[in-house]
Amino acid sequence: MMKRNTKSLSLGGRKSVTPQMISALSKPMKAIGMLTLLAVIGNIVKLHYKVSSNLDSLSKKTNHDNFTLPSSSTEDSSSNAPTTQEGASGTNNKAVNAVIHVGPYKTGSSAIQHYSKVLHLELASDKYEMPWKHLKQNVNPWDNQVEFATCFLPERSGERSIFPCGEDLLEAGLSIAQQNNNSLLVSAETFAATETTGVAELKTYLGQAWSNVTIVATYRRYYEWVVSVHCENNKIKRSLAGHKLWQAIQKNETERLYPSIQDTLATIPVRGASAAVVARYKEFFPNVVVMNYHDKRKSLSERFYCDAIPHAPNTCKKAQEMMKNEGEEKVNGSYDAVYEELTYAAHRSGMINVHSKEYCEAVTIAIKAHQEKTLKLSSDVFPRACPSGKILDDIWDISLRSEKDFIKHASNGLGYEDEVSLLSNSLNDDFDVYSKTRLCDVDVHTVLQSQVWRDFFAGKGECNMGYLQKYPDVANEFQSGLEHWVMHGKKEGREPYCKEWMDY
């Protein structure tokens, strides 16, 4: 359904509705008379003609250099105003709400998808359903929300080749409205990659069955988003860091454990950031809700289920209870692998010999303990190799323009007026910190050449020396008390000199 690059009916030399689309649309409409069907198809043809004639101008408006959010569509926005379940279904035989969460990528989407699965019973009680629930086979709901969204990507896109369009998911989505008269909820970051043609197709699809469409996006500052994308692309995650480090030590092939963030800054696409994504969707949908990732007065999940989704009181109540009692679970968060980088660099330089996975983990923890507990310093004070002034200026310019666009949106009667001062007061200071830390690589060579770390890796640290003095027999064979403790001492019942070693 809705595939491009196929033979299509011609209207004035322009491509419009494909035969496959007509076939797909006719399935749920068999009970409707032929004249009604032709009228519906005629309206869709008009929509596609309008979309096609405006594609050139739309692509110019979403150029990478233009981040100004366009004003809401000129069409009547009253169709997206909240209504009662009975009122909507009684007036036009359509279900009430379709909520499409478009991300973008690395703006807390994984957490929202996680809680959508956890809260599926509450969502059902609020008459919200997700298409993957209607498939007969067992599926991963995250993957299959992706396969719903890829139906609106170009047929030859890279992501669509990995996650093929699930036409059964599109049919399941329509059945939610046409058979059950329920609202639709779909969350997938893939929607953020949808071009203007795909957004128009999404509007056509949703217009078949739902009266009110809400597009939900999340605003995240560009410079912070770039760092998160870098961590995601290179799998820099806390849960994977130890395994990745041990693999790299065994191979001993690369100078650094992870690629430099400078490489990411040179290649990352600007159009995937929040402001550009919102701009594309506002061209076609009058109701685009933008949540603020940086407002910590509420968790992002609570904002989504209580503020962004219309008429979901049961889900909102349960989400609030979970956030109050358990806090928001961190799903797929990024990680600053400073201590793993230092372990890897020390091993490659010959300062230590990391010969087992167990010892590898212990060294990393010992480096962290020495920095944070013995020296009482944070990882942010390590020397860094930072981008040039020009690159930082470019990142700042994009971040500032995006911030202004969000403030304009937040001040437009959407209930976020108090966020304006909150954002403007923190942006400059926060960027200044990032420009000296997370937008930079740790300068491992400078760190290892410092006397304090030369002494540490030479076994002259307080914890190491204390252990060797406590057990002279160990000092005769091992320069590293930590190594002995990890490999032998713990099993032998020996006590470490520093209590931090008990964590290994």
Protein backbone atom coordinates (compact mmCIF):
# COMPACT_ATOMS: atom_id res chain seq x y z
CA MET A 1 0.00 0.00 0.00
CA MET A 2 1.17 3.52 -0.88
CA LYS A 3 4.33 2.39 -2.68
CA ARG A 4 6.12 4.79 -4.96
CA ASN A 5 7.84 3.99 -8.26
CA THR A 6 4.83 2.07 -9.53
CA LYS A 7 2.62 2.68 -12.52
CA SER A 8 0.04 5.29 -11.60
CA LEU A 9 -3.04 6.91 -13.00
CA SER A 10 -2.20 10.13 -14.82
CA LEU A 11 -3.75 13.50 -14.09
CA GLY A 12 -2.43 16.30 -16.25
CA GLY A 13 0.99 14.64 -16.59
CA ARG A 14 1.40 14.34 -12.80
CA LYS A 15 1.63 11.14 -10.80
CA SER A 16 -1.28 10.67 -8.48
CA VAL A 17 -3.09 7.68 -6.99
CA THR A 18 -1.64 4.23 -7.74
CA PRO A 19 -3.85 1.22 -8.52
CA GLN A 20 -2.47 -0.45 -5.39
CA MET A 21 -3.77 2.45 -3.29
CA ILE A 22 -7.22 2.19 -4.83
CA SER A 23 -7.25 -1.55 -4.20
CA ALA A 24 -6.19 -1.08 -0.60
CA LEU A 25 -8.70 1.65 0.03
CA SER A 26 -11.53 -0.42 -1.42
CA LYS A 27 -11.07 -3.31 1.05
CA PRO A 28 -12.65 -1.68 4.08
CA MET A 29 -15.29 0.02 1.95
CA LYS A 30 -17.02 -2.88 0.20
CA ALA A 31 -20.28 -2.11 1.92
CA ILE A 32 -20.30 1.42 0.52
CA GLY A 33 -21.98 2.08 -2.80
CA MET A 34 -19.91 2.56 -5.94
CA LEU A 35 -20.82 6.22 -6.24
CA THR A 36 -19.63 6.91 -2.71
CA LEU A 37 -16.42 5.04 -3.39
CA LEU A 38 -15.75 7.05 -6.55
CA ALA A 39 -16.40 10.28 -4.66
CA VAL A 40 -13.91 9.33 -1.97
CA ILE A 41 -11.30 8.39 -4.57
CA GLY A 42 -11.93 11.67 -6.34
CA ASN A 43 -11.19 13.61 -3.15
CA ILE A 44 -7.97 11.66 -2.67
CA VAL A 45 -6.93 12.38 -6.26
CA LYS A 46 -7.45 16.10 -5.58
CA LEU A 47 -5.30 15.86 -2.45
CA HIS A 48 -2.47 14.12 -4.31
CA TYR A 49 -2.66 16.64 -7.14
CA LYS A 50 -2.34 19.46 -4.60
CA VAL A 51 0.57 17.74 -2.83
CA SER A 52 2.38 17.05 -6.10
CA SER A 53 2.02 20.64 -7.31
CA ASN A 54 3.55 21.98 -4.10
CA LEU A 55 6.44 19.55 -3.62
CA ASP A 56 9.08 21.89 -5.07
CA SER A 57 8.16 24.78 -2.81
CA LEU A 58 7.82 22.53 0.22
CA SER A 59 11.29 21.07 -0.26
CA LYS A 60 12.73 24.56 -0.40
CA LYS A 61 11.05 25.42 2.89
CA THR A 62 12.64 22.40 4.56
CA ASN A 63 16.12 23.20 3.30
CA HIS A 64 18.87 22.47 5.86
CA ASP A 65 19.63 26.17 6.16
CA ASN A 66 16.06 27.12 7.10
CA PHE A 67 14.87 26.14 10.56
CA THR A 68 11.96 28.55 10.98
CA LEU A 69 8.80 26.68 11.90
CA PRO A 70 6.07 27.62 9.45
CA SER A 71 2.75 28.83 10.80
CA SER A 72 -0.07 26.33 11.12
CA SER A 73 -1.80 25.16 7.97
CA THR A 74 -4.47 27.47 6.61
CA GLU A 75 -7.03 24.69 6.60
CA ASP A 76 -9.65 24.72 9.34
CA SER A 77 -8.02 23.45 12.52
CA SER A 78 -11.35 22.87 14.22
CA SER A 79 -11.32 19.27 12.93
CA ASN A 80 -8.46 18.60 15.32
CA ALA A 81 -10.06 20.17 18.35
CA PRO A 82 -10.76 17.71 21.17
CA THR A 83 -14.22 16.18 20.96
CA THR A 84 -16.13 13.55 22.81
CA GLN A 85 -16.06 9.96 21.64
CA GLU A 86 -19.80 9.97 20.98
CA GLY A 87 -19.77 13.31 19.19
CA ALA A 88 -17.10 12.44 16.68
CA SER A 89 -18.35 8.99 15.77
CA GLY A 90 -21.91 10.22 15.47
CA THR A 91 -21.20 13.05 13.02
CA ASN A 92 -18.94 11.54 10.37
CA ASN A 93 -18.67 7.81 11.12
CA LYS A 94 -14.98 8.21 11.93
CA ALA A 95 -13.14 7.32 15.10
CA VAL A 96 -12.04 10.22 17.23
CA ASN A 97 -8.28 10.51 17.63
CA ALA A 98 -5.18 9.34 15.82
CA VAL A 99 -1.96 10.14 17.68
CA ILE A 100 1.28 9.77 15.75
CA HIS A 101 4.44 10.20 17.80
CA VAL A 102 7.22 11.06 15.35
CA GLY A 103 10.17 11.28 17.72
CA PRO A 104 12.52 12.53 16.43
CA TYR A 105 15.38 10.11 16.84
CA LYS A 106 17.11 10.38 20.27
CA THR A 107 14.47 12.49 22.00
CA GLY A 108 13.18 9.95 24.52
CA SER A 109 11.16 7.89 22.03
CA SER A 110 12.35 4.54 23.39
CA ALA A 111 10.92 5.40 26.82
CA ILE A 112 7.55 6.36 25.33
CA GLN A 113 7.45 3.13 23.32
CA HIS A 114 8.42 1.13 26.40
CA TYR A 115 5.62 2.64 28.48
CA SER A 116 3.10 2.26 25.65
CA LYS A 117 3.66 -1.46 25.97
CA VAL A 118 3.51 -1.37 29.79
CA LEU A 119 0.35 0.77 29.77
CA HIS A 120 -1.49 -1.03 26.96
CA LEU A 121 -4.40 -2.03 29.23
CA GLU A 122 -4.91 1.55 30.40
CA LEU A 123 -4.67 2.77 26.82
CA ALA A 124 -7.30 0.23 25.79
CA SER A 125 -9.61 1.47 28.57
CA ASP A 126 -9.21 4.95 27.04
CA LYS A 127 -10.10 3.47 23.63
CA TYR A 128 -6.56 3.73 22.22
CA GLU A 129 -5.13 0.81 20.32
CA MET A 130 -1.82 0.10 18.54
CA PRO A 131 -1.76 -1.78 15.21
CA TRP A 132 0.73 -4.47 16.26
CA LYS A 133 -1.80 -5.81 18.79
CA HIS A 134 -4.02 -7.00 15.94
CA LEU A 135 -1.44 -9.20 14.22
CA LYS A 136 -1.85 -12.94 14.72
CA GLN A 137 1.83 -13.81 15.03
CA ASN A 138 3.99 -12.86 17.99
CA VAL A 139 5.81 -9.64 17.16
CA ASN A 140 8.15 -7.16 18.76
CA PRO A 141 5.97 -4.05 19.11
CA TRP A 142 8.92 -1.67 18.71
CA ASP A 143 10.07 -3.21 15.45
CA ASN A 144 6.58 -3.31 14.04
CA GLN A 145 5.87 0.30 14.81
CA VAL A 146 8.93 0.96 12.69
CA GLU A 147 7.46 -1.22 9.94
CA PHE A 148 4.27 0.85 10.09
CA ALA A 149 6.25 4.06 9.65
CA THR A 150 8.50 2.79 6.84
CA CYS A 151 5.43 2.51 4.60
CA PHE A 152 5.69 6.28 4.23
CA LEU A 153 9.40 6.32 3.34
CA PRO A 154 10.70 6.15 -0.25
CA GLU A 155 10.65 2.55 -1.46
CA ARG A 156 14.43 2.44 -1.89
CA SER A 157 15.34 4.03 1.44
CA GLY A 158 17.94 2.27 3.55
CA GLU A 159 15.69 1.94 6.60
CA ARG A 160 12.86 0.47 4.55
CA SER A 161 15.21 -2.21 3.22
CA ILE A 162 15.96 -3.24 6.82
CA PHE A 163 12.39 -2.82 8.11
CA PRO A 164 10.06 -3.50 5.15
CA CYS A 165 6.70 -1.76 5.05
CA GLY A 166 4.18 -3.84 7.00
CA GLU A 167 1.03 -3.48 4.93
CA ASP A 168 -0.75 -5.76 7.41
CA LEU A 169 -0.03 -3.10 10.04
CA LEU A 170 -1.67 -0.42 7.89
CA GLU A 171 -4.73 -2.64 7.47
CA ALA A 172 -4.75 -3.36 11.22
CA GLY A 173 -4.62 0.37 11.88
CA LEU A 174 -7.70 1.00 9.74
CA SER A 175 -9.57 -1.85 11.41
CA ILE A 176 -9.01 -0.18 14.80
CA ALA A 177 -11.21 2.68 13.62
CA GLN A 178 -13.55 1.04 11.14
CA GLN A 179 -14.39 -2.09 13.12
CA ASN A 180 -13.85 -1.01 16.72
CA ASN A 181 -14.38 2.77 16.39
CA ASN A 182 -11.29 3.26 18.57
CA SER A 183 -8.44 5.76 18.50
CA LEU A 184 -5.00 4.99 17.08
CA LEU A 185 -1.60 5.35 18.75
CA VAL A 186 1.63 4.79 16.84
CA SER A 187 5.12 5.76 17.99
CA ALA A 188 8.18 5.46 15.75
CA GLU A 189 11.22 7.70 15.28
CA THR A 190 11.18 6.62 11.65
CA PHE A 191 8.42 9.15 11.01
CA ALA A 192 11.05 11.86 11.52
CA ALA A 193 12.81 10.68 8.35
CA THR A 194 9.64 10.98 6.26
CA GLU A 195 9.91 13.48 3.42
CA THR A 196 7.13 15.83 2.35
CA THR A 197 5.61 13.29 -0.05
CA GLY A 198 5.47 10.68 2.69
CA VAL A 199 3.91 13.13 5.15
CA ALA A 200 1.20 13.86 2.56
CA GLU A 201 0.57 10.12 2.18
CA LEU A 202 0.33 9.76 5.97
CA LYS A 203 -2.28 12.51 6.02
CA THR A 204 -4.27 10.72 3.31
CA TYR A 205 -4.09 7.43 5.20
CA LEU A 206 -5.21 8.94 8.52
CA GLY A 207 -7.95 10.98 6.87
CA GLN A 208 -9.77 7.78 5.89
CA ALA A 209 -10.72 6.84 9.43
CA TRP A 210 -9.98 9.46 12.11
CA SER A 211 -11.57 12.83 12.74
CA ASN A 212 -8.75 14.37 14.76
CA VAL A 213 -5.06 13.82 14.14
CA THR A 214 -2.43 14.84 16.66
CA ILE A 215 1.23 14.78 15.69
CA VAL A 216 3.51 14.65 18.72
CA ALA A 217 7.19 15.57 18.53
CA THR A 218 9.78 16.32 21.19
CA TYR A 219 12.07 19.33 21.20
CA ARG A 220 15.67 18.59 22.20
CA ARG A 221 18.46 21.12 21.92
CA TYR A 222 20.56 20.54 18.85
CA TYR A 223 23.97 20.34 20.55
CA GLU A 224 22.68 17.81 23.08
CA TRP A 225 20.91 15.85 20.37
CA VAL A 226 24.13 15.62 18.33
CA VAL A 227 25.96 14.02 21.27
CA SER A 228 23.16 11.52 21.81
CA VAL A 229 23.15 10.57 18.12
CA HIS A 230 26.93 10.07 18.26
CA CYS A 231 26.54 7.69 21.21
CA GLU A 232 23.71 5.80 19.51
CA ASN A 233 25.47 5.44 16.16
CA ASN A 234 28.61 4.09 17.82
CA LYS A 235 26.77 2.00 20.44
CA ILE A 236 28.26 3.97 23.33
CA LYS A 237 25.98 2.59 26.02
CA ARG A 238 26.60 1.70 29.64
CA SER A 239 25.21 -1.81 29.15
CA LEU A 240 27.56 -2.50 26.22
CA ALA A 241 30.68 -0.59 27.27
CA GLY A 242 32.43 -3.39 29.18
CA HIS A 243 31.90 -5.95 26.43
CA LYS A 244 33.00 -3.48 23.75
CA LEU A 245 36.16 -2.62 25.74
CA TRP A 246 37.21 -6.24 26.20
CA GLN A 247 36.63 -6.98 22.50
CA ALA A 248 38.75 -3.98 21.50
CA ILE A 249 41.56 -4.97 23.88
CA GLN A 250 41.64 -8.47 22.42
CA LYS A 251 41.87 -7.11 18.86
CA ASN A 252 44.10 -4.13 19.76
CA GLU A 253 43.63 -2.61 16.31
CA THR A 254 42.33 0.95 16.76
CA GLU A 255 43.93 3.95 18.41
CA ARG A 256 40.74 4.82 20.30
CA LEU A 257 38.05 2.63 21.74
CA TYR A 258 35.25 4.65 20.09
CA PRO A 259 35.28 6.89 17.00
CA SER A 260 35.88 10.57 17.61
CA ILE A 261 32.83 12.79 18.03
CA GLN A 262 34.52 15.12 15.53
CA ASP A 263 33.66 12.58 12.81
CA THR A 264 30.00 12.69 13.81
CA LEU A 265 29.91 16.49 13.83
CA ALA A 266 31.15 16.52 10.24
CA THR A 267 28.49 14.15 8.91
CA ILE A 268 25.33 14.36 11.03
CA PRO A 269 22.21 15.44 9.07
CA VAL A 270 20.61 18.61 10.39
CA ARG A 271 17.19 17.73 8.98
CA GLY A 272 16.79 14.96 11.56
CA ALA A 273 16.78 17.47 14.42
CA SER A 274 13.56 18.54 16.11
CA ALA A 275 12.90 21.90 14.42
CA ALA A 276 13.24 20.59 10.88
CA VAL A 277 10.96 17.62 11.59
CA VAL A 278 8.26 19.80 13.15
CA ALA A 279 8.42 22.15 10.16
CA ARG A 280 7.67 19.33 7.71
CA TYR A 281 4.68 18.06 9.66
CA LYS A 282 3.18 21.50 10.25
CA GLU A 283 2.86 21.88 6.49
CA PHE A 284 0.20 19.16 6.49
CA PHE A 285 -1.20 18.86 10.02
CA PRO A 286 -2.70 21.79 11.96
CA ASN A 287 -2.33 20.08 15.35
CA VAL A 288 1.37 19.45 16.07
CA VAL A 289 2.19 19.19 19.76
CA VAL A 290 5.84 19.74 20.68
CA MET A 291 6.99 18.50 24.09
CA ASN A 292 9.97 20.07 25.81
CA TYR A 293 12.67 17.46 26.56
CA HIS A 294 14.42 19.87 28.95
CA ASP A 295 11.53 20.75 31.24
CA LYS A 296 12.07 18.48 34.25
CA ARG A 297 8.99 19.57 36.17
CA LYS A 298 7.29 16.54 34.64
CA SER A 299 8.78 13.39 33.18
CA LEU A 300 8.57 13.14 29.40
CA SER A 301 6.32 10.09 29.69
CA GLU A 302 3.90 11.94 31.96
CA ARG A 303 3.76 14.84 29.51
CA PHE A 304 3.05 12.46 26.66
CA TYR A 305 0.23 10.47 28.29
CA CYS A 306 -1.33 13.36 30.23
CA ASP A 307 -0.84 16.43 28.03
CA ALA A 308 -0.15 15.36 24.45
CA ILE A 309 -2.63 12.50 24.01
CA PRO A 310 -6.27 13.70 23.98
CA HIS A 311 -8.76 12.00 26.30
CA ALA A 312 -6.59 9.39 28.03
CA PRO A 313 -7.43 9.88 31.74
CA ASN A 314 -6.84 6.27 32.81
CA THR A 315 -3.47 6.09 31.10
CA CYS A 316 -2.48 9.47 32.52
CA LYS A 317 -3.41 8.44 36.06
CA LYS A 318 -1.42 5.20 35.86
CA ALA A 319 1.57 6.97 34.31
CA GLN A 320 1.57 9.53 37.11
CA GLU A 321 1.47 6.77 39.71
CA MET A 322 4.38 4.95 38.06
CA MET A 323 6.48 8.11 37.78
CA LYS A 324 5.81 9.00 41.42
CA ASN A 325 6.54 5.53 42.81
CA GLU A 326 9.27 4.28 40.48
CA GLY A 327 10.57 7.27 38.55
CA GLU A 328 10.95 7.27 34.78
CA GLU A 329 12.95 4.30 33.58
CA LYS A 330 15.96 5.26 31.49
CA VAL A 331 15.66 3.39 28.21
CA ASN A 332 18.43 3.43 25.62
CA GLY A 333 20.27 6.35 27.23
CA SER A 334 23.64 7.63 26.04
CA TYR A 335 26.84 7.19 28.03
CA ASP A 336 30.13 9.08 28.35
CA ALA A 337 32.67 6.22 28.19
CA VAL A 338 35.62 8.22 29.58
CA TYR A 339 36.92 5.53 31.93
CA GLU A 340 36.70 2.80 29.30
CA GLU A 341 38.72 5.00 26.93
CA LEU A 342 41.42 5.46 29.59
CA THR A 343 41.57 1.72 30.30
CA TYR A 344 42.00 1.00 26.60
CA ALA A 345 44.66 3.70 26.13
CA ALA A 346 46.63 2.55 29.20
CA HIS A 347 46.63 -1.01 27.90
CA ARG A 348 47.75 0.01 24.39
CA SER A 349 50.54 2.17 25.80
CA GLY A 350 51.89 -0.72 27.89
CA MET A 351 51.20 0.97 31.23
CA ILE A 352 49.07 -2.02 32.26
CA ASN A 353 48.41 -5.49 30.86
CA VAL A 354 44.70 -6.22 30.74
CA HIS A 355 44.69 -9.98 30.27
CA SER A 356 41.15 -10.98 31.25
CA LYS A 357 37.62 -9.65 31.01
CA GLU A 358 37.32 -9.68 34.80
CA TYR A 359 40.48 -7.63 35.24
CA CYS A 360 39.37 -5.30 32.42
CA GLU A 361 36.21 -4.44 34.34
CA ALA A 362 38.13 -4.00 37.59
CA VAL A 363 40.64 -1.57 36.04
CA THR A 364 37.83 0.59 34.65
CA ILE A 365 36.11 0.76 38.04
CA ALA A 366 39.43 1.49 39.77
CA ILE A 367 40.13 4.42 37.41
CA LYS A 368 36.69 5.84 38.13
CA ALA A 369 37.14 5.39 41.89
CA HIS A 370 40.54 7.08 41.82
CA GLN A 371 39.20 10.08 39.91
CA GLU A 372 35.91 10.53 41.76
CA LYS A 373 36.61 9.22 45.28
CA THR A 374 40.36 9.62 45.84
CA LEU A 375 40.92 12.81 43.83
CA LYS A 376 37.30 13.96 44.35
CA LEU A 377 36.99 15.16 40.76
CA SER A 378 34.39 14.55 38.05
CA SER A 379 35.17 13.13 34.63
CA ASP A 380 34.40 16.55 33.12
CA VAL A 381 37.76 17.94 34.31
CA PHE A 382 39.84 15.57 32.17
CA PRO A 383 41.71 17.39 29.37
CA ARG A 384 39.68 17.40 26.15
CA ALA A 385 40.30 17.78 22.45
CA CYS A 386 37.46 20.04 21.33
CA PRO A 387 36.10 21.15 17.94
CA SER A 388 37.36 24.30 16.28
CA GLY A 389 35.77 27.63 17.08
CA LYS A 390 34.05 27.66 13.69
CA ILE A 391 32.40 24.27 14.24
CA LEU A 392 31.25 25.29 17.71
CA ASP A 393 29.87 28.55 16.30
CA ASP A 394 27.92 26.61 13.66
CA ILE A 395 26.48 24.26 16.29
CA TRP A 396 25.54 27.24 18.45
CA ASP A 397 23.83 29.03 15.55
CA ILE A 398 21.68 25.98 14.73
CA SER A 399 20.90 25.45 18.42
CA LEU A 400 19.91 29.09 18.95
CA ARG A 401 17.64 29.22 15.91
CA SER A 402 15.96 25.97 16.95
CA GLU A 403 15.48 27.33 20.47
CA LYS A 404 13.86 30.50 19.16
CA ASP A 405 11.52 28.43 16.99
CA PHE A 406 10.46 26.32 19.95
CA ILE A 407 9.91 29.40 22.13
CA LYS A 408 7.72 30.85 19.38
CA HIS A 409 5.70 27.64 19.38
CA ALA A 410 5.60 27.46 23.18
CA SER A 411 4.31 31.03 23.42
CA ASN A 412 1.49 30.42 20.97
CA GLY A 413 -1.20 29.65 23.50
CA LEU A 414 -0.23 26.02 24.00
CA GLY A 415 0.20 26.20 27.76
CA TYR A 416 4.00 26.38 27.78
CA GLU A 417 4.44 30.14 28.32
CA ASP A 418 6.42 29.65 31.53
CA GLU A 419 8.97 27.55 29.67
CA VAL A 420 10.20 30.55 27.70
CA SER A 421 12.12 32.08 30.58
CA LEU A 422 13.21 28.62 31.73
CA LEU A 423 14.84 27.93 28.38
CA SER A 424 16.37 31.33 27.65
CA ASN A 425 18.10 31.44 31.02
CA SER A 426 19.77 28.05 30.69
CA LEU A 427 20.71 27.73 27.01
CA ASN A 428 23.95 29.71 27.01
CA ASP A 429 25.32 28.20 30.22
CA ASP A 430 24.40 24.67 29.20
CA PHE A 431 26.00 25.02 25.78
CA ASP A 432 29.16 26.40 27.37
CA VAL A 433 29.47 23.22 29.45
CA TYR A 434 28.84 20.97 26.44
CA SER A 435 31.38 22.85 24.31
CA LYS A 436 34.08 21.90 26.82
CA THR A 437 32.95 18.36 27.65
CA ARG A 438 30.48 16.24 25.70
CA LEU A 439 31.19 17.87 22.33
CA CYS A 440 34.85 16.98 22.84
CA ASP A 441 36.96 13.82 23.01
CA VAL A 442 38.92 12.99 26.15
CA ASP A 443 42.60 13.68 25.45
CA VAL A 444 43.79 10.30 26.71
CA HIS A 445 47.46 10.90 25.86
CA THR A 446 47.61 14.06 27.96
CA VAL A 447 45.83 12.31 30.84
CA LEU A 448 48.22 9.34 30.83
CA GLN A 449 51.28 11.60 30.71
CA SER A 450 50.24 13.43 33.88
CA GLN A 451 52.14 12.43 37.01
CA VAL A 452 49.08 11.50 39.01
CA TRP A 453 48.00 8.90 36.45
CA ARG A 454 51.53 7.69 35.76
CA ASP A 455 51.78 6.94 39.47
CA PHE A 456 48.38 5.29 39.49
CA PHE A 457 49.17 2.88 36.64
CA ALA A 458 52.66 2.26 38.07
CA GLY A 459 51.00 0.89 41.19
CA LYS A 460 51.79 3.90 43.40
CA GLY A 461 48.19 4.70 44.17
CA GLU A 462 47.07 4.64 47.78
CA CYS A 463 44.81 1.58 47.37
CA ASN A 464 47.41 -0.42 45.49
CA MET A 465 50.33 0.43 47.79
CA GLY A 466 48.25 -0.24 50.88
CA TYR A 467 47.30 -3.70 49.62
CA LEU A 468 50.90 -4.67 48.76
CA GLN A 469 52.15 -3.45 52.16
CA LYS A 470 49.41 -5.44 53.85
CA TYR A 471 50.39 -8.62 51.98
CA PRO A 472 54.19 -8.63 51.41
CA ASP A 473 54.03 -12.08 49.79
CA VAL A 474 51.94 -10.58 47.02
CA ALA A 475 54.40 -7.73 46.48
CA ASN A 476 57.11 -10.25 45.62
CA GLU A 477 55.13 -11.46 42.59
CA PHE A 478 52.72 -8.66 41.63
CA GLN A 479 53.31 -4.99 40.96
CA SER A 480 49.56 -4.45 40.83
CA GLY A 481 47.73 -5.21 44.04
CA LEU A 482 44.47 -4.69 42.13
CA GLU A 483 45.40 -7.41 39.66
CA HIS A 484 46.17 -9.85 42.48
CA TRP A 485 42.97 -8.98 44.33
CA VAL A 486 40.81 -9.55 41.25
CA MET A 487 42.52 -12.74 40.08
CA HIS A 488 43.41 -14.38 43.41
CA GLY A 489 43.04 -12.33 46.59
CA LYS A 490 39.25 -12.13 46.64
CA LYS A 491 38.95 -15.90 46.31
CA GLU A 492 41.61 -16.39 49.00
CA GLY A 493 39.65 -14.27 51.47
CA ARG A 494 42.14 -11.38 51.58
CA GLU A 495 40.80 -7.97 52.45
CA PRO A 496 41.43 -4.97 50.20
CA TYR A 497 43.06 -1.84 51.55
CA CYS A 498 40.35 0.37 50.01
CA LYS A 499 36.69 -0.49 50.39
CA GLU A 500 36.10 0.56 46.74
CA TRP A 501 37.74 -2.71 45.69
CA MET A 502 34.81 -4.56 47.20
CA ASP A 503 32.79 -3.43 44.18
CA TYR A 504 34.81 -5.52 41.75
